[in-house]
N, C-alpha and C. Protein backbone atom coordinates (compact mmCIF):
# COMPACT_ATOMS: atom_id res chain seq x y z
N MET A 1 162.59 167.37 148.93
CA MET A 1 162.16 167.70 147.45
C MET A 1 161.15 168.49 147.84
N ASP A 2 160.41 168.97 147.37
CA ASP A 2 159.20 170.18 147.24
C ASP A 2 157.89 168.97 147.40
N SER A 3 157.21 169.77 147.41
CA SER A 3 155.50 168.64 148.21
C SER A 3 155.21 168.14 146.81
N MET A 4 155.15 168.95 145.51
CA MET A 4 154.75 168.45 144.29
C MET A 4 155.43 167.45 143.92
N SER A 5 156.68 166.40 144.29
CA SER A 5 157.88 165.35 144.12
C SER A 5 157.39 164.77 144.92
N TRP A 6 156.12 164.58 145.85
CA TRP A 6 156.09 163.46 146.47
C TRP A 6 154.05 163.09 146.22
N GLU A 7 153.79 164.18 145.96
CA GLU A 7 152.40 164.13 145.42
C GLU A 7 152.09 162.42 144.61
N TRP A 8 152.83 162.00 144.13
CA TRP A 8 152.94 160.63 143.01
C TRP A 8 153.03 159.51 144.24
N VAL A 9 153.83 160.06 145.26
CA VAL A 9 153.51 158.77 146.11
C VAL A 9 152.39 158.86 147.12
N TRP A 10 151.75 159.90 146.98
CA TRP A 10 150.77 159.26 147.87
C TRP A 10 149.52 159.03 147.31
N TRP A 11 149.70 159.28 145.84
CA TRP A 11 148.95 158.94 144.90
C TRP A 11 148.62 156.87 144.65
N ALA A 12 150.18 157.15 144.45
CA ALA A 12 150.31 155.51 144.44
C ALA A 12 149.91 154.42 145.64
N ALA A 13 150.00 155.56 147.21
CA ALA A 13 149.96 154.65 148.36
C ALA A 13 148.47 154.72 147.79
N ALA A 14 147.79 155.32 148.21
CA ALA A 14 146.70 155.69 147.75
C ALA A 14 145.67 154.60 146.70
N ALA A 15 146.22 153.96 145.81
CA ALA A 15 145.90 153.08 145.06
C ALA A 15 145.91 151.65 145.58
N VAL A 16 147.15 151.50 146.04
CA VAL A 16 147.60 150.35 146.61
C VAL A 16 146.65 150.10 147.66
N LEU A 17 146.26 151.03 148.87
CA LEU A 17 145.54 150.99 149.70
C LEU A 17 143.99 150.21 149.26
N GLY A 18 143.93 151.35 148.53
CA GLY A 18 141.90 150.96 147.69
C GLY A 18 142.27 150.06 147.39
N THR A 19 142.89 148.91 146.08
CA THR A 19 143.16 148.46 146.03
C THR A 19 143.49 146.64 147.10
N ALA A 20 143.95 147.00 148.26
CA ALA A 20 144.23 146.17 149.00
C ALA A 20 142.49 146.18 149.54
N ILE A 21 142.20 147.04 149.77
CA ILE A 21 140.95 146.98 150.47
C ILE A 21 139.61 146.13 150.23
N LEU A 22 139.20 146.85 148.79
CA LEU A 22 138.60 146.15 147.71
C LEU A 22 138.59 144.92 147.38
N TRP A 23 140.51 144.89 146.90
CA TRP A 23 140.14 143.41 145.87
C TRP A 23 139.92 142.07 146.94
N PRO A 24 139.98 141.86 147.85
CA PRO A 24 139.07 141.20 148.53
C PRO A 24 137.39 141.00 149.15
N LEU A 25 137.53 142.45 149.48
CA LEU A 25 136.00 141.76 149.62
C LEU A 25 134.92 141.93 147.77
N THR A 26 135.74 142.04 147.01
CA THR A 26 135.16 141.67 145.32
C THR A 26 135.05 139.94 145.40
N ARG A 27 136.07 139.56 145.75
CA ARG A 27 136.67 138.32 145.52
C ARG A 27 135.28 137.58 146.93
N ARG A 28 135.20 137.82 147.94
CA ARG A 28 134.47 137.72 148.91
C ARG A 28 132.84 137.50 148.67
N SER A 29 132.61 138.76 147.69
CA SER A 29 131.25 138.65 147.57
C SER A 29 130.65 137.90 146.10
N ARG A 30 131.76 137.14 145.56
CA ARG A 30 131.38 136.35 144.90
C ARG A 30 131.31 134.58 145.38
N THR A 31 132.12 134.26 145.99
CA THR A 31 132.02 133.64 146.70
C THR A 31 130.26 133.04 147.69
N ARG A 32 129.93 134.52 148.27
CA ARG A 32 129.44 134.38 148.75
C ARG A 32 127.72 133.97 147.85
N ARG A 33 127.94 134.02 146.88
CA ARG A 33 126.63 134.24 145.75
C ARG A 33 127.07 132.88 145.61
N GLY A 34 127.51 132.14 145.71
CA GLY A 34 127.86 130.51 145.77
C GLY A 34 128.49 130.09 144.23
N GLY A 35 128.38 130.84 143.55
CA GLY A 35 128.67 130.43 141.94
C GLY A 35 127.30 129.17 140.88
N ASP A 36 128.07 128.61 140.52
CA ASP A 36 126.69 127.52 139.97
C ASP A 36 127.14 126.45 140.55
N SER A 37 125.41 126.32 140.74
CA SER A 37 125.09 124.54 141.53
C SER A 37 126.04 123.88 140.78
N ALA A 38 126.24 122.71 140.95
CA ALA A 38 126.75 121.54 140.89
C ALA A 38 125.65 120.81 139.80
N GLU A 39 124.62 120.92 139.90
CA GLU A 39 123.78 120.68 139.24
C GLU A 39 123.47 120.92 137.97
N GLU A 40 123.61 122.70 138.50
CA GLU A 40 123.58 123.54 136.91
C GLU A 40 125.04 123.24 136.26
N ILE A 41 126.03 122.74 136.88
CA ILE A 41 127.56 122.32 136.41
C ILE A 41 127.19 120.95 135.15
N LEU A 42 126.16 120.11 136.35
CA LEU A 42 126.15 119.06 135.62
C LEU A 42 125.16 119.27 134.75
N ASN A 43 124.21 119.98 134.38
CA ASN A 43 123.20 119.87 133.07
C ASN A 43 124.23 120.59 132.13
N ARG A 44 124.69 121.89 131.98
CA ARG A 44 125.42 122.14 131.22
C ARG A 44 126.52 121.17 130.63
N ARG A 45 126.79 120.11 131.19
CA ARG A 45 128.03 119.34 130.81
C ARG A 45 127.18 118.29 129.69
N PHE A 46 126.06 117.81 130.25
CA PHE A 46 125.13 116.75 129.78
C PHE A 46 124.94 117.55 128.53
N ALA A 47 124.22 119.04 128.63
CA ALA A 47 123.37 119.98 127.58
C ALA A 47 124.85 119.59 126.22
N ARG A 48 126.06 119.87 126.69
CA ARG A 48 127.15 120.16 125.52
C ARG A 48 128.01 119.00 124.93
N GLY A 49 127.24 117.75 125.82
CA GLY A 49 126.88 116.37 125.33
C GLY A 49 128.77 116.01 126.15
N GLU A 50 129.75 116.13 126.67
CA GLU A 50 130.22 116.02 127.08
C GLU A 50 130.54 114.50 127.87
N ILE A 51 129.36 114.27 128.29
CA ILE A 51 128.83 112.91 129.12
C ILE A 51 127.38 112.43 128.65
N THR A 52 127.06 110.93 129.66
CA THR A 52 126.32 110.68 128.33
C THR A 52 125.37 110.65 128.84
N ARG A 53 123.13 109.79 128.72
CA ARG A 53 122.48 110.29 129.80
C ARG A 53 122.70 109.38 130.98
N SER A 54 123.57 108.41 130.94
CA SER A 54 123.65 107.27 131.58
C SER A 54 124.06 108.01 132.65
N GLU A 55 125.61 108.58 132.45
CA GLU A 55 126.38 109.07 133.25
C GLU A 55 126.08 110.58 134.05
N TYR A 56 124.40 110.76 133.34
CA TYR A 56 124.21 112.53 134.07
C TYR A 56 122.99 111.61 134.82
N GLU A 57 121.93 110.65 134.36
CA GLU A 57 121.32 110.05 135.29
C GLU A 57 122.10 109.52 136.87
N GLU A 58 123.31 108.85 136.79
CA GLU A 58 124.05 108.65 137.92
C GLU A 58 124.75 109.72 138.67
N LYS A 59 125.60 110.28 137.75
CA LYS A 59 125.72 111.64 138.59
C LYS A 59 124.50 112.70 139.56
N LEU A 60 123.28 112.32 138.88
CA LEU A 60 122.13 113.69 139.71
C LEU A 60 121.92 112.64 140.24
N ALA A 61 121.69 111.52 140.41
CA ALA A 61 120.98 111.11 141.21
C ALA A 61 121.96 111.48 142.61
N ALA A 62 123.38 111.22 141.90
CA ALA A 62 124.17 111.02 143.57
C ALA A 62 123.61 112.42 144.23
N LEU A 63 123.83 113.64 143.73
CA LEU A 63 124.08 115.26 144.17
C LEU A 63 122.69 114.86 145.08
N ARG A 64 121.85 114.31 144.38
CA ARG A 64 120.58 114.32 144.93
C ARG A 64 120.44 113.80 146.25
N LYS A 65 120.99 112.95 146.74
CA LYS A 65 120.84 111.97 147.87
C LYS A 65 121.35 112.69 149.55
């Protein structure tokens, strides 16, 4: 096979290697930011009406202990 027929193999290998290196780095940076705190999630659930005021206050008190 000549060098032109192997060119696609090198590009494919570079794509796989690039993905293998960059994908874990992007996932790690997302977890380092911490995402939403438990209080933020609780606030959103209360705002959407998923939990009652008494449930909200009970869970909030437990989180702040």
